[in-house]
C-alpha atoms as a PDB file:
ATOM      1  CA  MET A   1       0.000   0.000   0.000  1.00  0.00           C
ATOM      2  CA  ILE A   2       2.821   2.444   0.810  1.00  0.00           C
ATOM      3  CA  THR A   3       6.474   2.935  -0.090  1.00  0.00           C
ATOM      4  CA  VAL A   4       8.818   4.853   2.225  1.00  0.00           C
ATOM      5  CA  ILE A   5      11.709   6.882   0.815  1.00  0.00           C
ATOM      6  CA  VAL A   6      14.675   8.006   2.914  1.00  0.00           C
ATOM      7  CA  VAL A   7      17.300  10.287   1.365  1.00  0.00           C
ATOM      8  CA  ASN A   8      20.741  10.037   2.952  1.00  0.00           C
ATOM      9  CA  TRP A   9      24.023  11.895   2.724  1.00  0.00           C
ATOM     10  CA  ASN A  10      26.804  10.903   5.127  1.00  0.00           C
ATOM     11  CA  GLY A  11      24.371  10.123   7.913  1.00  0.00           C
ATOM     12  CA  ALA A  12      24.991   6.428   8.569  1.00  0.00           C
ATOM     13  CA  ALA A  13      24.377   6.484  12.348  1.00  0.00           C
ATOM     14  CA  MET A  14      21.174   8.519  12.071  1.00  0.00           C
ATOM     15  CA  LEU A  15      20.004   6.451   9.123  1.00  0.00           C
ATOM     16  CA  VAL A  16      20.215   3.216  11.126  1.00  0.00           C
ATOM     17  CA  ASP A  17      17.958   4.689  13.815  1.00  0.00           C
ATOM     18  CA  CYS A  18      15.497   5.952  11.204  1.00  0.00           C
ATOM     19  CA  LEU A  19      15.241   2.578   9.444  1.00  0.00           C
ATOM     20  CA  ALA A  20      14.880   0.775  12.767  1.00  0.00           C
ATOM     21  CA  SER A  21      11.867   2.981  13.571  1.00  0.00           C
ATOM     22  CA  LEU A  22      10.290   2.031  10.247  1.00  0.00           C
ATOM     23  CA  GLU A  23      10.605  -1.662  11.108  1.00  0.00           C
ATOM     24  CA  LEU A  24       8.383  -1.062  14.161  1.00  0.00           C
ATOM     25  CA  GLN A  25       5.504   0.548  12.255  1.00  0.00           C
ATOM     26  CA  ARG A  26       1.984  -0.709  13.006  1.00  0.00           C
ATOM     27  CA  MET A  27       1.242  -0.421   9.276  1.00  0.00           C
ATOM     28  CA  ARG A  28       4.269  -2.007   7.682  1.00  0.00           C
ATOM     29  CA  PRO A  29       5.423  -0.402   4.429  1.00  0.00           C
ATOM     30  CA  SER A  30       5.369  -2.497   1.277  1.00  0.00           C
ATOM     31  CA  ARG A  31       8.832  -1.243   0.438  1.00  0.00           C
ATOM     32  CA  VAL A  32      11.524   0.981   1.951  1.00  0.00           C
ATOM     33  CA  VAL A  33      13.983   2.747  -0.351  1.00  0.00           C
ATOM     34  CA  VAL A  34      17.157   4.521   0.714  1.00  0.00           C
ATOM     35  CA  VAL A  35      18.532   6.965  -1.832  1.00  0.00           C
ATOM     36  CA  ASP A  36      22.170   7.624  -1.023  1.00  0.00           C
ATOM     37  CA  ASN A  37      23.568  10.912  -2.307  1.00  0.00           C
ATOM     38  CA  GLY A  38      27.134   9.782  -2.913  1.00  0.00           C
ATOM     39  CA  SER A  39      28.024   9.348   0.768  1.00  0.00           C
ATOM     40  CA  SER A  40      31.636   8.793   1.797  1.00  0.00           C
ATOM     41  CA  ASP A  41      30.844   7.368   5.262  1.00  0.00           C
ATOM     42  CA  HIS A  42      29.983   3.772   4.241  1.00  0.00           C
ATOM     43  CA  SER A  43      26.245   4.431   4.592  1.00  0.00           C
ATOM     44  CA  VAL A  44      25.400   2.029   1.764  1.00  0.00           C
ATOM     45  CA  ALA A  45      27.445  -0.821   3.255  1.00  0.00           C
ATOM     46  CA  VAL A  46      25.847  -0.265   6.669  1.00  0.00           C
ATOM     47  CA  VAL A  47      22.326  -0.439   5.232  1.00  0.00           C
ATOM     48  CA  ARG A  48      23.093  -3.558   3.200  1.00  0.00           C
ATOM     49  CA  LYS A  49      24.396  -5.310   6.299  1.00  0.00           C
ATOM     50  CA  ARG A  50      21.803  -4.170   8.851  1.00  0.00           C
ATOM     51  CA  PHE A  51      18.704  -3.924   6.639  1.00  0.00           C
ATOM     52  CA  PRO A  52      18.992  -6.445   3.773  1.00  0.00           C
ATOM     53  CA  ASN A  53      15.328  -5.963   2.770  1.00  0.00           C
ATOM     54  CA  VAL A  54      15.752  -2.240   2.142  1.00  0.00           C
ATOM     55  CA  ASP A  55      16.187  -1.217  -1.490  1.00  0.00           C
ATOM     56  CA  ILE A  56      19.112   1.093  -2.183  1.00  0.00           C
ATOM     57  CA  ILE A  57      19.512   3.616  -4.980  1.00  0.00           C
ATOM     58  CA  ALA A  58      23.142   4.710  -4.790  1.00  0.00           C
ATOM     59  CA  LEU A  59      23.873   7.959  -6.632  1.00  0.00           C
ATOM     60  CA  ASN A  60      27.424   8.798  -7.649  1.00  0.00           C
ATOM     61  CA  ARG A  61      27.342  12.285  -6.149  1.00  0.00           C
ATOM     62  CA  ASN A  62      25.203  14.528  -3.980  1.00  0.00           C
ATOM     63  CA  GLU A  63      22.291  15.367  -6.277  1.00  0.00           C
ATOM     64  CA  GLY A  64      20.359  17.171  -3.539  1.00  0.00           C
ATOM     65  CA  PHE A  65      17.184  16.310  -1.657  1.00  0.00           C
ATOM     66  CA  ALA A  66      14.813  17.042  -4.539  1.00  0.00           C
ATOM     67  CA  ALA A  67      16.549  15.003  -7.246  1.00  0.00           C
ATOM     68  CA  ALA A  68      17.273  12.119  -4.873  1.00  0.00           C
ATOM     69  CA  ASN A  69      13.621  11.780  -3.922  1.00  0.00           C
ATOM     70  CA  ASN A  70      12.650  11.974  -7.588  1.00  0.00           C
ATOM     71  CA  ALA A  71      14.978   9.063  -8.386  1.00  0.00           C
ATOM     72  CA  ALA A  72      12.975   6.895  -6.013  1.00  0.00           C
ATOM     73  CA  LEU A  73       9.534   8.342  -6.796  1.00  0.00           C
ATOM     74  CA  ARG A  74       9.871   7.167 -10.407  1.00  0.00           C
ATOM     75  CA  THR A  75      10.042   3.574  -9.139  1.00  0.00           C
ATOM     76  CA  VAL A  76       7.025   3.696  -6.790  1.00  0.00           C
ATOM     77  CA  THR A  77       4.051   1.481  -7.672  1.00  0.00           C
ATOM     78  CA  THR A  78       2.048   1.760  -4.418  1.00  0.00           C
ATOM     79  CA  PRO A  79      -0.912   4.176  -4.033  1.00  0.00           C
ATOM     80  CA  TYR A  80       0.880   6.132  -1.290  1.00  0.00           C
ATOM     81  CA  VAL A  81       4.438   7.231  -0.662  1.00  0.00           C
ATOM     82  CA  ALA A  82       5.977   8.445   2.585  1.00  0.00           C
ATOM     83  CA  LEU A  83       9.076  10.609   2.808  1.00  0.00           C
ATOM     84  CA  ILE A  84      11.087  10.839   6.004  1.00  0.00           C
ATOM     85  CA  ASN A  85      14.437  12.465   6.734  1.00  0.00           C
ATOM     86  CA  ASN A  86      17.348  10.254   7.714  1.00  0.00           C
ATOM     87  CA  ASP A  87      17.645  12.353  10.898  1.00  0.00           C
ATOM     88  CA  ALA A  88      14.097  11.502  12.032  1.00  0.00           C
ATOM     89  CA  LEU A  89      12.540   8.706  14.083  1.00  0.00           C
ATOM     90  CA  ALA A  90       8.964   7.683  13.333  1.00  0.00           C
ATOM     91  CA  HIS A  91       6.477   6.827  16.063  1.00  0.00           C
ATOM     92  CA  ARG A  92       5.003   3.367  15.445  1.00  0.00           C
ATOM     93  CA  ASP A  93       1.675   4.863  14.343  1.00  0.00           C
ATOM     94  CA  TRP A  94       3.177   7.437  11.947  1.00  0.00           C
ATOM     95  CA  ILE A  95       2.456   5.591   8.697  1.00  0.00           C
ATOM     96  CA  GLY A  96      -0.859   4.112   9.815  1.00  0.00           C
ATOM     97  CA  CYS A  97      -2.364   7.389  11.035  1.00  0.00           C
ATOM     98  CA  SER A  98      -1.209   9.245   7.916  1.00  0.00           C
ATOM     99  CA  VAL A  99      -2.655   6.711   5.488  1.00  0.00           C
ATOM    100  CA  GLU A 100      -5.888   6.384   7.465  1.00  0.00           C
ATOM    101  CA  SER A 101      -6.332  10.169   7.298  1.00  0.00           C
ATOM    102  CA  LEU A 102      -5.853  10.218   3.521  1.00  0.00           C
ATOM    103  CA  GLN A 103      -8.375   7.410   3.196  1.00  0.00           C
ATOM    104  CA  ARG A 104     -10.840   9.351   5.360  1.00  0.00           C
ATOM    105  CA  TYR A 105     -10.406  12.568   3.355  1.00  0.00           C
ATOM    106  CA  PRO A 106     -10.326  11.794  -0.384  1.00  0.00           C
ATOM    107  CA  GLU A 107      -9.887  15.513  -1.175  1.00  0.00           C
ATOM    108  CA  ALA A 108      -6.499  15.452   0.571  1.00  0.00           C
ATOM    109  CA  GLY A 109      -3.476  14.817  -1.612  1.00  0.00           C
ATOM    110  CA  MET A 110      -0.974  14.873   1.256  1.00  0.00           C
ATOM    111  CA  ALA A 111      -0.759  14.395   5.010  1.00  0.00           C
ATOM    112  CA  ALA A 112       1.455  16.511   7.266  1.00  0.00           C
ATOM    113  CA  SER A 113       2.988  15.108  10.458  1.00  0.00           C
ATOM    114  CA  LYS A 114       3.515  16.438  13.962  1.00  0.00           C
ATOM    115  CA  MET A 115       7.307  16.747  14.138  1.00  0.00           C
ATOM    116  CA  LEU A 116       8.821  17.056  17.626  1.00  0.00           C
ATOM    117  CA  PHE A 117      12.434  17.863  18.440  1.00  0.00           C
ATOM    118  CA  ALA A 118      14.240  14.581  19.130  1.00  0.00           C
ATOM    119  CA  ASP A 119      16.296  16.160  21.916  1.00  0.00           C
ATOM    120  CA  ARG A 120      13.277  18.095  23.270  1.00  0.00           C
ATOM    121  CA  PRO A 121      10.258  15.849  22.676  1.00  0.00           C
ATOM    122  CA  ASP A 122       8.091  18.193  24.734  1.00  0.00           C
ATOM    123  CA  THR A 123       8.531  20.873  22.029  1.00  0.00           C
ATOM    124  CA  ILE A 124       7.230  21.083  18.467  1.00  0.00           C
ATOM    125  CA  ASP A 125       9.677  21.342  15.590  1.00  0.00           C
ATOM    126  CA  ARG A 126       6.834  21.913  13.118  1.00  0.00           C
ATOM    127  CA  VAL A 127       3.304  20.783  12.362  1.00  0.00           C
ATOM    128  CA  GLY A 128       3.300  21.039   8.592  1.00  0.00           C
ATOM    129  CA  ASP A 129       4.198  24.039   6.477  1.00  0.00           C
ATOM    130  CA  GLY A 130       2.482  27.379   6.249  1.00  0.00           C
ATOM    131  CA  TYR A 131       2.951  30.156   3.726  1.00  0.00           C
ATOM    132  CA  SER A 132       2.798  33.834   4.578  1.00  0.00           C
ATOM    133  CA  ARG A 133       0.994  36.551   2.670  1.00  0.00           C
ATOM    134  CA  ALA A 134       4.435  38.086   2.185  1.00  0.00           C
ATOM    135  CA  GLY A 135       5.517  35.034   0.193  1.00  0.00           C
ATOM    136  CA  ALA A 136       7.622  33.041   2.643  1.00  0.00           C
ATOM    137  CA  GLY A 137       7.475  29.532   4.033  1.00  0.00           C
ATOM    138  CA  ILE A 138       6.481  29.165   7.683  1.00  0.00           C
ATOM    139  CA  LEU A 139       7.398  26.411  10.130  1.00  0.00           C
ATOM    140  CA  ARG A 140       3.969  25.965  11.689  1.00  0.00           C
ATOM    141  CA  GLY A 141       3.999  25.572  15.458  1.00  0.00           C
ATOM    142  CA  ARG A 142       7.774  25.912  15.909  1.00  0.00           C
ATOM    143  CA  ASN A 143       8.683  25.918  19.652  1.00  0.00           C
ATOM    144  CA  ALA A 144       5.089  25.392  20.849  1.00  0.00           C
ATOM    145  CA  PRO A 145       4.454  22.732  23.546  1.00  0.00           C
ATOM    146  CA  ALA A 146       4.111  19.194  22.206  1.00  0.00           C
ATOM    147  CA  GLY A 147       0.485  19.057  23.347  1.00  0.00           C
ATOM    148  CA  ALA A 148      -0.508  22.004  21.164  1.00  0.00           C
ATOM    149  CA  PHE A 149      -1.961  21.577  17.673  1.00  0.00           C
ATOM    150  CA  SER A 150      -3.813  18.473  18.853  1.00  0.00           C
ATOM    151  CA  GLU A 151      -6.650  18.661  16.311  1.00  0.00           C
ATOM    152  CA  GLY A 152      -6.530  17.659  12.662  1.00  0.00           C
ATOM    153  CA  GLU A 153      -7.046  20.537  10.236  1.00  0.00           C
ATOM    154  CA  TRP A 154      -6.611  21.722   6.668  1.00  0.00           C
ATOM    155  CA  ILE A 155      -3.320  23.546   6.180  1.00  0.00           C
ATOM    156  CA  PHE A 156      -1.157  24.869   3.355  1.00  0.00           C
ATOM    157  CA  GLY A 157       1.337  22.048   3.013  1.00  0.00           C
ATOM    158  CA  ALA A 158       3.442  19.195   4.347  1.00  0.00           C
ATOM    159  CA  CYS A 159       7.107  19.277   5.295  1.00  0.00           C
ATOM    160  CA  ALA A 160       8.777  16.597   3.174  1.00  0.00           C
ATOM    161  CA  GLY A 161      10.938  15.663   6.161  1.00  0.00           C
ATOM    162  CA  ALA A 162       7.939  13.589   7.307  1.00  0.00           C
ATOM    163  CA  ALA A 163       4.974  13.458   4.945  1.00  0.00           C
ATOM    164  CA  VAL A 164       2.709  11.055   3.090  1.00  0.00           C
ATOM    165  CA  TYR A 165       1.494  11.769  -0.461  1.00  0.00           C
ATOM    166  CA  ARG A 166      -0.951  10.217  -2.896  1.00  0.00           C
ATOM    167  CA  MET A 167       0.992   8.997  -5.901  1.00  0.00           C
ATOM    168  CA  ASP A 168      -1.903   9.951  -8.193  1.00  0.00           C
ATOM    169  CA  MET A 169      -1.448  13.570  -7.107  1.00  0.00           C
ATOM    170  CA  LEU A 170       2.312  13.524  -7.645  1.00  0.00           C
ATOM    171  CA  ARG A 171       1.940  12.022 -11.101  1.00  0.00           C
ATOM    172  CA  ARG A 172      -0.457  14.813 -12.019  1.00  0.00           C
ATOM    173  CA  ILE A 173       1.386  17.848 -10.589  1.00  0.00           C
ATOM    174  CA  GLY A 174       4.943  16.549 -11.029  1.00  0.00           C
ATOM    175  CA  TRP A 175       7.793  15.584  -8.719  1.00  0.00           C
ATOM    176  CA  PHE A 176      10.073  17.939  -6.829  1.00  0.00           C
ATOM    177  CA  ASP A 177      11.965  20.437  -8.967  1.00  0.00           C
ATOM    178  CA  PRO A 178      15.614  19.244  -8.973  1.00  0.00           C
ATOM    179  CA  ALA A 179      16.849  22.797  -9.624  1.00  0.00           C
ATOM    180  CA  PHE A 180      15.934  23.609  -6.011  1.00  0.00           C
ATOM    181  CA  PHE A 181      18.576  21.100  -4.803  1.00  0.00           C
ATOM    182  CA  LEU A 182      17.343  21.417  -1.208  1.00  0.00           C
ATOM    183  CA  LEU A 183      14.998  23.616   0.859  1.00  0.00           C
ATOM    184  CA  TYR A 184      11.628  24.978  -0.291  1.00  0.00           C
ATOM    185  CA  GLU A 185      11.176  22.107  -2.749  1.00  0.00           C
ATOM    186  CA  ASP A 186       8.354  20.821  -0.538  1.00  0.00           C
ATOM    187  CA  VAL A 187       6.795  24.298  -0.238  1.00  0.00           C
ATOM    188  CA  ASP A 188       6.838  24.515  -4.027  1.00  0.00           C
ATOM    189  CA  LEU A 189       5.214  21.094  -4.334  1.00  0.00           C
ATOM    190  CA  SER A 190       2.541  21.991  -1.758  1.00  0.00           C
ATOM    191  CA  PHE A 191       1.802  25.243  -3.595  1.00  0.00           C
ATOM    192  CA  ARG A 192       1.444  23.422  -6.920  1.00  0.00           C
ATOM    193  CA  ALA A 193      -0.838  20.875  -5.247  1.00  0.00           C
ATOM    194  CA  GLN A 194      -3.079  23.585  -3.793  1.00  0.00           C
ATOM    195  CA  LEU A 195      -3.265  25.331  -7.169  1.00  0.00           C
ATOM    196  CA  ALA A 196      -4.337  22.055  -8.774  1.00  0.00           C
ATOM    197  CA  GLY A 197      -7.134  21.608  -6.218  1.00  0.00           C
ATOM    198  CA  TYR A 198      -5.521  19.148  -3.786  1.00  0.00           C
ATOM    199  CA  LYS A 199      -5.653  19.788  -0.035  1.00  0.00           C
ATOM    200  CA  CYS A 200      -3.244  19.023   2.797  1.00  0.00           C
ATOM    201  CA  ARG A 201      -4.464  17.390   6.017  1.00  0.00           C
ATOM    202  CA  TYR A 202      -2.499  17.890   9.215  1.00  0.00           C
ATOM    203  CA  VAL A 203      -2.550  14.636  11.242  1.00  0.00           C
ATOM    204  CA  PRO A 204      -1.556  15.245  14.893  1.00  0.00           C
ATOM    205  CA  GLU A 205      -1.382  11.509  15.662  1.00  0.00           C
ATOM    206  CA  ALA A 206       1.294  11.040  12.969  1.00  0.00           C
ATOM    207  CA  ILE A 207       4.319  11.819  15.140  1.00  0.00           C
ATOM    208  CA  VAL A 208       7.982  11.995  14.159  1.00  0.00           C
ATOM    209  CA  PHE A 209      10.966  12.918  16.329  1.00  0.00           C
ATOM    210  CA  HIS A 210      13.370  15.099  14.353  1.00  0.00           C
ATOM    211  CA  ARG A 211      17.031  15.914  14.906  1.00  0.00           C
ATOM    212  CA  SER A 212      16.461  19.366  13.447  1.00  0.00           C
ATOM    213  CA  CYS A 213      19.201  20.769  11.179  1.00  0.00           C
ATOM    214  CA  ALA A 214      21.459  17.780  11.818  1.00  0.00           C
ATOM    215  CA  THR A 215      22.565  17.735   8.164  1.00  0.00           C
ATOM    216  CA  ILE A 216      22.782  21.336   6.923  1.00  0.00           C
ATOM    217  CA  GLY A 217      22.946  23.289  10.176  1.00  0.00           C
ATOM    218  CA  ARG A 218      20.797  26.105  11.526  1.00  0.00           C
ATOM    219  CA  ASP A 219      21.228  29.481   9.778  1.00  0.00           C
ATOM    220  CA  SER A 220      24.263  28.108   7.942  1.00  0.00           C
ATOM    221  CA  ALA A 221      25.550  29.502   4.650  1.00  0.00           C
ATOM    222  CA  VAL A 222      23.913  26.520   2.908  1.00  0.00           C
ATOM    223  CA  SER A 223      20.496  27.068   4.483  1.00  0.00           C
ATOM    224  CA  VAL A 224      20.567  30.840   3.918  1.00  0.00           C
ATOM    225  CA  TYR A 225      21.552  30.504   0.264  1.00  0.00           C
ATOM    226  CA  TYR A 226      19.129  27.788  -0.814  1.00  0.00           C
ATOM    227  CA  GLY A 227      16.290  28.990   1.386  1.00  0.00           C
ATOM    228  CA  HIS A 228      16.372  32.543   0.069  1.00  0.00           C
ATOM    229  CA  ARG A 229      17.109  31.689  -3.542  1.00  0.00           C
ATOM    230  CA  ASN A 230      14.432  29.026  -3.750  1.00  0.00           C
ATOM    231  CA  GLY A 231      11.900  31.103  -1.853  1.00  0.00           C
ATOM    232  CA  GLU A 232      11.824  33.600  -4.718  1.00  0.00           C
ATOM    233  CA  TRP A 233      11.313  30.816  -7.223  1.00  0.00           C
ATOM    234  CA  VAL A 234       8.330  29.492  -5.261  1.00  0.00           C
ATOM    235  CA  TYR A 235       6.741  32.947  -5.109  1.00  0.00           C
ATOM    236  CA  PHE A 236       7.141  33.846  -8.778  1.00  0.00           C
ATOM    237  CA  ARG A 237       6.288  30.356 -10.111  1.00  0.00           C
ATOM    238  CA  ASN A 238       3.154  29.837  -8.107  1.00  0.00           C
ATOM    239  CA  MET A 239       1.557  33.022  -6.797  1.00  0.00           C
ATOM    240  CA  PRO A 240      -1.436  33.959  -9.004  1.00  0.00           C
ATOM    241  CA  ILE A 241      -1.093  37.369 -10.648  1.00  0.00           C
ATOM    242  CA  GLY A 242      -3.981  38.835  -8.649  1.00  0.00           C
ATOM    243  CA  LEU A 243      -2.285  37.798  -5.409  1.00  0.00           C
ATOM    244  CA  ILE A 244       1.104  39.074  -6.580  1.00  0.00           C
ATOM    245  CA  GLN A 245      -0.525  42.478  -6.923  1.00  0.00           C
ATOM    246  CA  LYS A 246      -1.951  42.076  -3.430  1.00  0.00           C
ATOM    247  CA  SER A 247       1.227  40.766  -1.776  1.00  0.00           C
ATOM    248  CA  PHE A 248       4.122  42.359  -3.653  1.00  0.00           C
ATOM    249  CA  LEU A 249       4.831  45.212  -1.219  1.00  0.00           C
ATOM    250  CA  LEU A 250       4.707  42.739   1.674  1.00  0.00           C
ATOM    251  CA  HIS A 251       7.141  40.544  -0.233  1.00  0.00           C
ATOM    252  CA  VAL A 252       9.564  43.430  -0.801  1.00  0.00           C
ATOM    253  CA  ARG A 253       9.408  44.298   2.907  1.00  0.00           C
ATOM    254  CA  TYR A 254      10.181  40.674   3.745  1.00  0.00           C
ATOM    255  CA  ILE A 255      13.218  40.686   1.434  1.00  0.00           C
ATOM    256  CA  VAL A 256      14.573  43.889   2.999  1.00  0.00           C
ATOM    257  CA  LEU A 257      14.030  42.818   6.613  1.00  0.00           C
ATOM    258  CA  SER A 258      15.508  39.380   5.956  1.00  0.00           C
ATOM    259  CA  GLY A 259      18.541  40.977   4.326  1.00  0.00           C
ATOM    260  CA  LEU A 260      19.111  43.212   7.362  1.00  0.00           C
ATOM    261  CA  TYR A 261      18.774  40.242   9.699  1.00  0.00           C
ATOM    262  CA  PHE A 262      21.273  38.078   7.830  1.00  0.00           C
ATOM    263  CA  LEU A 263      23.664  41.008   7.470  1.00  0.00           C
ATOM    264  CA  SER A 264      23.633  41.272  11.278  1.00  0.00           C
ATOM    265  CA  ARG A 265      24.377  37.530  11.496  1.00  0.00           C
ATOM    266  CA  GLY A 266      27.357  37.690   9.130  1.00  0.00           C
ATOM    267  CA  PHE A 267      25.561  36.191   6.111  1.00  0.00           C
ATOM    268  CA  GLY A 268      25.000  39.374   4.118  1.00  0.00           C
ATOM    269  CA  ALA A 269      27.120  38.264   1.142  1.00  0.00           C
ATOM    270  CA  VAL A 270      25.473  34.828   1.016  1.00  0.00           C
ATOM    271  CA  TYR A 271      22.009  36.396   1.159  1.00  0.00           C
ATOM    272  CA  LEU A 272      22.798  38.821  -1.676  1.00  0.00           C
ATOM    273  CA  LYS A 273      24.164  35.988  -3.829  1.00  0.00           C
ATOM    274  CA  ALA A 274      20.968  34.004  -3.182  1.00  0.00           C
ATOM    275  CA  LYS A 275      18.819  36.894  -4.424  1.00  0.00           C
ATOM    276  CA  LYS A 276      21.115  37.600  -7.381  1.00  0.00           C
ATOM    277  CA  ASP A 277      20.961  33.963  -8.523  1.00  0.00           C
ATOM    278  CA  ALA A 278      17.204  33.798  -7.900  1.00  0.00           C
ATOM    279  CA  PHE A 279      16.411  36.788 -10.081  1.00  0.00           C
ATOM    280  CA  ALA A 280      18.917  35.772 -12.762  1.00  0.00           C
ATOM    281  CA  ALA A 281      16.809  32.638 -13.271  1.00  0.00           C
ATOM    282  CA  LEU A 282      13.499  34.520 -13.444  1.00  0.00           C
ATOM    283  CA  PRO A 283      13.039  34.173 -17.245  1.00  0.00           C
ATOM    284  CA  ALA A 284      13.081  30.364 -16.880  1.00  0.00           C
ATOM    285  CA  ILE A 285      10.905  30.538 -13.763  1.00  0.00           C
ATOM    286  CA  LEU A 286       8.299  32.612 -15.581  1.00  0.00           C
ATOM    287  CA  ARG A 287       8.202  30.105 -18.442  1.00  0.00           C
ATOM    288  CA  GLN A 288       7.526  27.339 -15.911  1.00  0.00           C
ATOM    289  CA  ARG A 289       4.862  29.528 -14.324  1.00  0.00           C
ATOM    290  CA  ALA A 290       2.664  29.371 -17.422  1.00  0.00           C
ATOM    291  CA  GLY A 291       2.259  25.600 -17.197  1.00  0.00           C
ATOM    292  CA  ILE A 292       1.657  25.665 -13.443  1.00  0.00           C
ATOM    293  CA  GLN A 293      -1.042  28.341 -13.658  1.00  0.00           C
ATOM    294  CA  MET A 294      -2.721  26.495 -16.528  1.00  0.00           C
ATOM    295  CA  ASN A 295      -3.578  23.648 -14.116  1.00  0.00           C
ATOM    296  CA  ARG A 296      -5.023  25.978 -11.502  1.00  0.00           C
ATOM    297  CA  ASN A 297      -8.232  24.816  -9.818  1.00  0.00           C
ATOM    298  CA  ILE A 298      -8.605  27.188  -6.834  1.00  0.00           C
ATOM    299  CA  ASN A 299      -9.730  30.820  -6.690  1.00  0.00           C
ATOM    300  CA  ASP A 300      -7.749  33.720  -5.229  1.00  0.00           C
ATOM    301  CA  THR A 301      -9.959  34.097  -2.178  1.00  0.00           C
ATOM    302  CA  CYS A 302      -9.632  30.475  -1.050  1.00  0.00           C
ATOM    303  CA  LEU A 303      -5.881  30.499  -1.627  1.00  0.00           C
ATOM    304  CA  TRP A 304      -5.397  33.807   0.223  1.00  0.00           C
ATOM    305  CA  GLU A 305      -7.281  32.411   3.212  1.00  0.00           C
ATOM    306  CA  LEU A 306      -4.757  29.550   3.385  1.00  0.00           C
ATOM    307  CA  PHE A 307      -1.897  32.011   3.770  1.00  0.00           C
ATOM    308  CA  THR A 308      -0.819  33.327   7.169  1.00  0.00           C
ATOM    309  CA  PRO A 309      -0.849  37.101   7.802  1.00  0.00           C
ATOM    310  CA  ASP A 310       2.733  38.365   7.811  1.00  0.00           C
ATOM    311  CA  ARG A 311       4.141  39.109  11.282  1.00  0.00           C
ATOM    312  CA  PRO A 312       7.838  40.063  10.989  1.00  0.00           C
ATOM    313  CA  LEU A 313       8.343  40.417  14.751  1.00  0.00           C
ATOM    314  CA  ASP A 314       7.014  36.905  15.391  1.00  0.00           C
ATOM    315  CA  ARG A 315       9.394  35.537  12.763  1.00  0.00           C
ATOM    316  CA  LEU A 316      12.330  37.352  14.376  1.00  0.00           C
ATOM    317  CA  ARG A 317      11.418  36.038  17.844  1.00  0.00           C
ATOM    318  CA  SER A 318      11.230  32.504  16.476  1.00  0.00           C
ATOM    319  CA  ARG A 319      14.676  32.817  14.916  1.00  0.00           C
ATOM    320  CA  ARG A 320      16.163  34.138  18.149  1.00  0.00           C
ATOM    321  CA  ILE A 321      14.704  31.206  20.074  1.00  0.00           C
ATOM    322  CA  ARG A 322      16.133  28.773  17.513  1.00  0.00           C
ATOM    323  CA  ASN A 323      19.577  30.347  17.650  1.00  0.00           C
ATOM    324  CA  THR A 324      19.784  30.316  21.445  1.00  0.00           C
ATOM    325  CA  SER A 325      18.211  26.919  22.120  1.00  0.00           C
END
């Protein structure tokens, strides 16, 4: 019924824990696939020895999160597919609760998990993805108590670090965009899904414990560059023209305030390069936009209501908590 994909890059120890948690699932996956992004830490050998029933797709180099997942998605034959980060541990009911929710809500194309910090399981890492009216991804629920967000609800999107998707939806809207490499590729996919008329269901019983930022670091040069390059691509590919007119000044304010913040953190040059590279690719992004908007099946009002009002001070407070915790 469901295939699980785990992308790995030099994370052998974490990967073993992740795969062990999948073996304990109440709803056992039909197939587990590890896509290794050219690791140099013997990850592939470790998986072959410890988990002989796991399929391995070994790439010759680090192709990024998006392309690695796509390599496995092309081989999936089950109705559902689950993605989980190699630095995450799944509660035994994670797969079962996610699939049961998608079966209960046929209008849902994806199910978002409740992700808790592995080292602080009393605190939420995120409960799915939001999107602000300024055109930025939001980590829903970050730093809230674990008992919060206890009710299922319709939200903008699922974090691909722990999510379940209908394969029929993915075949219709397309896989992740490999040009993103990493970060925001799941926000882009969620946006395309919403435009095509698919919904996202947040499932609070689908719990995952996440070693947040174990691979790329928190506010690292890598995360700043890809996050703020790819964020522009998501906005200009997906935002309907009527909502661009409505949100553009908010988006400009977000760019300016983010630039000032990262300048104060010593990442000013990285941030500027991210924006330079993002806008240099705009001609190609706008060509892609035409095909995406052609499949649109949601009106501006409904989409705008899915977005979160922009609160720059709340975003700054969240970042300060992350950087001091």
